[in-house]
Amino acid sequence: TQSTWGFFVIFPHFRLSRKKHTMVFYFTTSYEGHTFLMYMGRDKFENEDLIKYAWPEDVWFHVDDLSSAHVYLRLPEGMTLKTIPQAVLTECAQLVKFNSIDGNKQNNIRVVYT
């Protein structure tokens, strides 16, 4: 697989919190001719924005029972939850595990995706 990463800024709203706008990470990965886009929020503010702006067909990843990043996988056209390649599922699971304060210290965690 070939992966890249970058930043994605969500500007459509402003709030009176510690941030005026939210910046979330995005990653792309290519596998078997398909390009997948992953958005990641690292804290509760970024995670809330991801929830707010996610598409209904996005797949959501989170470490079960622990605080962690949220990762949203935007599927290529025509792909379903059941046809996501295992390598892409593993990459998303690694992102949420690595960005979990408690989860990244454990050998075995459960990652929920839906």
Protein backbone atom coordinates (compact mmCIF):
# COMPACT_ATOMS: atom_id res chain seq x y z
CA THR A 1 0.00 0.00 0.00
CA GLN A 2 1.05 3.57 -0.57
CA SER A 3 0.08 6.12 2.08
CA THR A 4 0.25 9.88 2.45
CA TRP A 5 -0.96 12.27 5.12
CA GLY A 6 -1.86 15.91 5.50
CA PHE A 7 -4.09 18.38 7.30
CA PHE A 8 -7.71 19.19 6.65
CA VAL A 9 -9.20 22.36 8.11
CA ILE A 10 -12.91 22.56 8.87
CA PHE A 11 -13.94 26.22 8.56
CA PRO A 12 -17.76 26.28 8.22
CA HIS A 13 -18.32 27.16 11.86
CA PHE A 14 -16.75 29.10 14.67
CA ARG A 15 -17.31 28.54 18.38
CA LEU A 16 -16.34 30.26 21.58
CA SER A 17 -14.06 27.50 22.83
CA ARG A 18 -10.28 27.39 22.95
CA LYS A 19 -10.23 26.94 19.17
CA LYS A 20 -11.73 29.16 16.50
CA HIS A 21 -11.54 26.41 13.91
CA THR A 22 -10.60 22.78 14.00
CA MET A 23 -7.78 21.12 12.16
CA VAL A 24 -7.96 17.38 11.67
CA PHE A 25 -5.49 15.04 10.03
CA TYR A 26 -6.28 13.19 6.87
CA PHE A 27 -4.51 10.27 5.32
CA THR A 28 -4.80 8.55 1.98
CA THR A 29 -3.90 5.01 1.20
CA SER A 30 -4.02 3.14 -2.08
CA TYR A 31 -4.72 -0.57 -2.26
CA GLU A 32 -5.51 -2.72 -5.30
CA GLY A 33 -6.25 0.30 -7.48
CA HIS A 34 -8.57 2.00 -4.95
CA THR A 35 -7.73 5.17 -3.05
CA PHE A 36 -9.10 5.47 0.48
CA LEU A 37 -9.36 8.72 2.44
CA MET A 38 -9.15 8.63 6.25
CA TYR A 39 -9.93 11.56 8.55
CA MET A 40 -8.66 11.51 12.13
CA GLY A 41 -9.60 13.63 15.13
CA ARG A 42 -7.12 13.49 18.01
CA ASP A 43 -9.16 15.08 20.80
CA LYS A 44 -12.79 15.52 21.77
CA PHE A 45 -13.09 18.79 19.83
CA GLU A 46 -11.79 17.30 16.60
CA ASN A 47 -13.80 14.10 17.15
CA GLU A 48 -16.99 16.16 17.58
CA ASP A 49 -16.32 17.93 14.29
CA LEU A 50 -15.71 14.64 12.54
CA ILE A 51 -19.06 13.34 13.80
CA LYS A 52 -20.77 16.55 12.69
CA TYR A 53 -19.33 16.54 9.15
CA ALA A 54 -19.12 12.81 8.45
CA TRP A 55 -21.00 11.34 5.53
CA PRO A 56 -23.55 8.58 6.27
CA GLU A 57 -21.49 6.07 4.29
CA ASP A 58 -18.23 6.82 6.18
CA VAL A 59 -16.91 3.97 8.34
CA TRP A 60 -16.11 5.03 11.94
CA PHE A 61 -13.23 3.45 13.94
CA HIS A 62 -12.62 3.81 17.69
CA VAL A 63 -10.82 1.86 20.43
CA ASP A 64 -13.49 0.04 22.45
CA ASP A 65 -13.89 1.16 26.09
CA LEU A 66 -10.90 3.55 25.96
CA SER A 67 -10.39 7.15 24.96
CA SER A 68 -8.91 7.31 21.49
CA ALA A 69 -8.81 9.17 18.23
CA HIS A 70 -11.74 8.77 15.89
CA VAL A 71 -10.97 7.70 12.34
CA TYR A 72 -13.48 8.00 9.56
CA LEU A 73 -12.80 6.00 6.41
CA ARG A 74 -14.31 7.42 3.25
CA LEU A 75 -14.92 4.50 0.92
CA PRO A 76 -14.36 4.61 -2.82
CA GLU A 77 -17.52 4.56 -4.89
CA GLY A 78 -19.11 1.11 -5.03
CA MET A 79 -17.26 -0.28 -1.99
CA THR A 80 -19.15 -1.49 1.08
CA LEU A 81 -18.27 -2.27 4.69
CA LYS A 82 -17.97 -5.96 3.76
CA THR A 83 -15.58 -5.37 0.86
CA ILE A 84 -12.98 -3.17 2.59
CA PRO A 85 -9.58 -4.85 2.16
CA GLN A 86 -8.08 -6.26 5.37
CA ALA A 87 -4.93 -4.14 4.90
CA VAL A 88 -7.03 -0.95 4.99
CA LEU A 89 -8.95 -2.13 8.08
CA THR A 90 -5.63 -2.84 9.79
CA GLU A 91 -4.24 0.58 8.88
CA CYS A 92 -7.30 2.35 10.35
CA ALA A 93 -7.12 0.19 13.50
CA GLN A 94 -3.43 1.05 13.92
CA LEU A 95 -4.22 4.77 13.65
CA VAL A 96 -6.80 4.68 16.45
CA LYS A 97 -4.62 2.42 18.64
CA PHE A 98 -1.53 4.61 18.21
CA ASN A 99 -3.56 7.72 19.05
CA SER A 100 -5.12 6.32 22.22
CA ILE A 101 -3.40 7.38 25.45
CA ASP A 102 -4.14 4.08 27.19
CA GLY A 103 -4.62 1.85 24.15
CA ASN A 104 -1.17 2.43 22.68
CA LYS A 105 0.40 1.00 25.87
CA GLN A 106 -1.54 -2.26 25.67
CA ASN A 107 -0.73 -5.32 23.60
CA ASN A 108 -4.33 -6.32 22.89
CA ILE A 109 -7.20 -3.92 22.36
CA ARG A 110 -10.52 -4.11 20.56
CA VAL A 111 -11.24 -1.65 17.78
CA VAL A 112 -14.88 -1.01 16.94
CA TYR A 113 -15.83 -0.03 13.43
CA THR A 114 -19.22 0.58 11.94
